[in-house]
Amino acid sequence: MLSGGVNFQSKTVAHWVDYLLDAMMKINKMKIDEAKAVLAHLDRHGYDEISTLNVRSTLTAYSAVMQKKETVNDQIDIMRISKGIQISDIMFLDKERKFELNRTKLADKYQVKLFSGTKKDVIDCVTFLADFVGKGA
């Protein structure tokens, strides 16, 4: 483990970034010195510059602060959002996820327009798309 992990009485548990670096070294043949450079970059800048890690850590932290028990479906949602938010102009989510992305300011940070299945959001989406098409995209 490059970062040392978290020590518990029974064992040491790797940080999430250690799993990421381990995979990059095994699958992508990243060298140890390159992994140390990535770790140093993360120490200096955190996850802020890596959207997938930023979104994942932000939403997981938000759930912890709100004392919400995460389910497997929550983890799947978080993975999908973290992979898609940076490349999306619009996202369709359930009301809860839309609220979380607005509350954590991730929607603003990644400049994505969020819609859920509420009647108001469906109307807003139709209006947004009509304006988008009308402007010649």
Foldseek 3Di string as FASTA:
>chain_A
DVVQADDDPVGGDHDPLVVVLVCCCVVVVDDPVRSVVVVVVCVVVNCVVPQLRVQLVLLVVVCVVVVHDDDPVNVVVSNVCSVPLLPAQEDEDAPVVVVSCVVSVVCVVSNHHYAYPDPVRVVVVVVVVVVVVVVVD
